[in-house]
Amino acid sequence: GAGGPGDHPGGPLDLTEAAEALGVTVAELQVALGPPPPNMAGAAATLGVDVEVLRELIGRP
């Protein structure tokens, strides 16, 4: 992917790799997660992936 760490300002999560792995944009992933704290179960349902897969991609417990 283009860019590196700190490529975009904002939150503590770098969603770029997770979004690429899921085949969505970072913006789409952010919308699915909602405001902090992220709604992992809701986002997983929205994106059609298992919540454990999503947690692993994003690196959240």
N, C-alpha and C. Protein backbone atom coordinates (compact mmCIF):
# COMPACT_ATOMS: atom_id res chain seq x y z
N GLY A 1 0.82 -1.20 0.00
CA GLY A 1 0.00 0.00 0.00
C GLY A 1 0.84 1.24 0.00
N ALA A 2 0.27 2.32 -0.42
CA ALA A 2 0.97 3.60 -0.43
C ALA A 2 0.92 4.22 0.96
N GLY A 3 1.90 5.04 1.24
CA GLY A 3 1.92 5.75 2.52
C GLY A 3 2.49 4.88 3.62
N GLY A 4 2.75 5.51 4.73
CA GLY A 4 3.33 4.79 5.85
C GLY A 4 2.64 5.16 7.13
N PRO A 5 3.21 4.73 8.25
CA PRO A 5 2.62 5.07 9.54
C PRO A 5 2.55 6.58 9.71
N GLY A 6 1.50 7.05 10.32
CA GLY A 6 1.34 8.48 10.53
C GLY A 6 0.98 9.21 9.26
N ASP A 7 0.53 8.48 8.26
CA ASP A 7 0.20 9.06 6.96
C ASP A 7 -1.06 9.91 7.05
N HIS A 8 -1.90 9.63 8.02
CA HIS A 8 -3.13 10.40 8.19
C HIS A 8 -3.29 10.77 9.65
N PRO A 9 -3.76 11.99 9.92
CA PRO A 9 -3.98 12.41 11.30
C PRO A 9 -5.22 11.75 11.88
N GLY A 10 -5.38 11.80 13.18
CA GLY A 10 -6.62 11.32 13.75
C GLY A 10 -6.41 10.29 14.82
N GLY A 11 -7.34 9.35 14.87
CA GLY A 11 -7.45 8.41 15.97
C GLY A 11 -6.27 7.47 16.13
N PRO A 12 -6.32 6.72 17.22
CA PRO A 12 -5.24 5.80 17.56
C PRO A 12 -5.20 4.57 16.66
N LEU A 13 -6.33 4.24 16.02
CA LEU A 13 -6.36 3.06 15.16
C LEU A 13 -5.91 3.41 13.76
N ASP A 14 -4.99 2.61 13.22
CA ASP A 14 -4.66 2.73 11.80
C ASP A 14 -5.46 1.66 11.08
N LEU A 15 -6.51 2.10 10.42
CA LEU A 15 -7.44 1.16 9.81
C LEU A 15 -7.09 0.84 8.37
N THR A 16 -6.01 1.41 7.84
CA THR A 16 -5.70 1.25 6.42
C THR A 16 -5.55 -0.21 6.03
N GLU A 17 -4.72 -0.94 6.77
CA GLU A 17 -4.48 -2.35 6.43
C GLU A 17 -5.74 -3.18 6.60
N ALA A 18 -6.48 -2.93 7.67
CA ALA A 18 -7.71 -3.68 7.91
C ALA A 18 -8.71 -3.42 6.79
N ALA A 19 -8.85 -2.16 6.39
CA ALA A 19 -9.79 -1.82 5.32
C ALA A 19 -9.39 -2.51 4.02
N GLU A 20 -8.09 -2.49 3.70
CA GLU A 20 -7.62 -3.15 2.48
C GLU A 20 -7.92 -4.64 2.53
N ALA A 21 -7.69 -5.27 3.68
CA ALA A 21 -7.93 -6.70 3.83
C ALA A 21 -9.41 -7.04 3.67
N LEU A 22 -10.28 -6.11 4.09
CA LEU A 22 -11.72 -6.33 4.00
C LEU A 22 -12.30 -5.91 2.66
N GLY A 23 -11.49 -5.23 1.85
CA GLY A 23 -11.97 -4.79 0.55
C GLY A 23 -12.90 -3.59 0.62
N VAL A 24 -12.72 -2.77 1.66
CA VAL A 24 -13.52 -1.55 1.81
C VAL A 24 -12.57 -0.37 1.99
N THR A 25 -13.11 0.84 1.92
CA THR A 25 -12.29 2.01 2.18
C THR A 25 -12.18 2.23 3.68
N VAL A 26 -11.19 3.01 4.08
CA VAL A 26 -11.05 3.35 5.50
C VAL A 26 -12.31 4.06 5.98
N ALA A 27 -12.85 4.95 5.16
CA ALA A 27 -14.07 5.68 5.54
C ALA A 27 -15.23 4.72 5.78
N GLU A 28 -15.39 3.73 4.90
CA GLU A 28 -16.46 2.75 5.08
C GLU A 28 -16.28 1.96 6.37
N LEU A 29 -15.04 1.61 6.66
CA LEU A 29 -14.75 0.87 7.89
C LEU A 29 -15.04 1.74 9.11
N GLN A 30 -14.66 3.02 9.05
CA GLN A 30 -14.92 3.93 10.17
C GLN A 30 -16.42 4.09 10.40
N VAL A 31 -17.19 4.21 9.33
CA VAL A 31 -18.65 4.33 9.46
C VAL A 31 -19.22 3.07 10.09
N ALA A 32 -18.74 1.90 9.66
CA ALA A 32 -19.23 0.64 10.21
C ALA A 32 -18.92 0.53 11.70
N LEU A 33 -17.73 0.97 12.10
CA LEU A 33 -17.33 0.88 13.50
C LEU A 33 -18.06 1.89 14.38
N GLY A 34 -18.43 3.02 13.82
CA GLY A 34 -19.10 4.06 14.58
C GLY A 34 -18.12 4.81 15.47
N PRO A 35 -18.66 5.70 16.31
CA PRO A 35 -17.80 6.50 17.19
C PRO A 35 -17.18 5.63 18.27
N PRO A 36 -16.05 6.07 18.85
CA PRO A 36 -15.42 5.29 19.92
C PRO A 36 -16.37 5.11 21.10
N PRO A 37 -16.33 3.99 21.79
CA PRO A 37 -15.55 2.80 21.42
C PRO A 37 -16.16 2.10 20.21
N PRO A 38 -15.33 1.49 19.37
CA PRO A 38 -15.85 0.88 18.15
C PRO A 38 -16.84 -0.24 18.43
N ASN A 39 -17.89 -0.31 17.63
CA ASN A 39 -18.89 -1.36 17.73
C ASN A 39 -18.44 -2.52 16.85
N MET A 40 -17.63 -3.41 17.42
CA MET A 40 -17.04 -4.49 16.64
C MET A 40 -18.09 -5.44 16.08
N ALA A 41 -19.06 -5.82 16.91
CA ALA A 41 -20.08 -6.77 16.46
C ALA A 41 -20.93 -6.15 15.35
N GLY A 42 -21.31 -4.89 15.53
CA GLY A 42 -22.10 -4.21 14.51
C GLY A 42 -21.34 -4.03 13.22
N ALA A 43 -20.06 -3.68 13.34
CA ALA A 43 -19.24 -3.49 12.16
C ALA A 43 -19.04 -4.81 11.42
N ALA A 44 -18.81 -5.88 12.16
CA ALA A 44 -18.63 -7.19 11.54
C ALA A 44 -19.89 -7.58 10.77
N ALA A 45 -21.06 -7.34 11.36
CA ALA A 45 -22.31 -7.67 10.69
C ALA A 45 -22.48 -6.82 9.43
N THR A 46 -22.19 -5.52 9.55
CA THR A 46 -22.31 -4.61 8.41
C THR A 46 -21.39 -5.02 7.27
N LEU A 47 -20.18 -5.44 7.62
CA LEU A 47 -19.17 -5.78 6.62
C LEU A 47 -19.26 -7.23 6.16
N GLY A 48 -20.07 -8.03 6.86
CA GLY A 48 -20.24 -9.42 6.47
C GLY A 48 -19.05 -10.31 6.80
N VAL A 49 -18.38 -9.99 7.91
CA VAL A 49 -17.24 -10.81 8.35
C VAL A 49 -17.47 -11.25 9.79
N ASP A 50 -16.74 -12.27 10.20
CA ASP A 50 -16.81 -12.73 11.58
C ASP A 50 -16.16 -11.69 12.49
N VAL A 51 -16.75 -11.47 13.64
CA VAL A 51 -16.24 -10.45 14.56
C VAL A 51 -14.81 -10.75 14.99
N GLU A 52 -14.46 -12.03 15.12
CA GLU A 52 -13.09 -12.38 15.49
C GLU A 52 -12.10 -11.99 14.40
N VAL A 53 -12.51 -12.16 13.15
CA VAL A 53 -11.66 -11.76 12.02
C VAL A 53 -11.45 -10.25 12.06
N LEU A 54 -12.52 -9.51 12.30
CA LEU A 54 -12.44 -8.05 12.36
C LEU A 54 -11.51 -7.61 13.50
N ARG A 55 -11.68 -8.22 14.67
CA ARG A 55 -10.82 -7.87 15.81
C ARG A 55 -9.35 -8.12 15.48
N GLU A 56 -9.07 -9.23 14.83
CA GLU A 56 -7.70 -9.57 14.49
C GLU A 56 -7.12 -8.55 13.51
N LEU A 57 -7.92 -8.17 12.51
CA LEU A 57 -7.46 -7.22 11.50
C LEU A 57 -7.18 -5.85 12.11
N ILE A 58 -8.03 -5.44 13.02
CA ILE A 58 -7.90 -4.11 13.61
C ILE A 58 -6.93 -4.11 14.78
N GLY A 59 -6.74 -5.28 15.37
CA GLY A 59 -5.80 -5.37 16.49
C GLY A 59 -6.40 -4.90 17.79
N ARG A 60 -7.70 -5.11 17.95
CA ARG A 60 -8.37 -4.78 19.21
C ARG A 60 -8.77 -6.07 19.91
N PRO A 61 -8.71 -6.08 21.24
CA PRO A 61 -9.14 -7.28 21.97
C PRO A 61 -10.66 -7.45 21.91
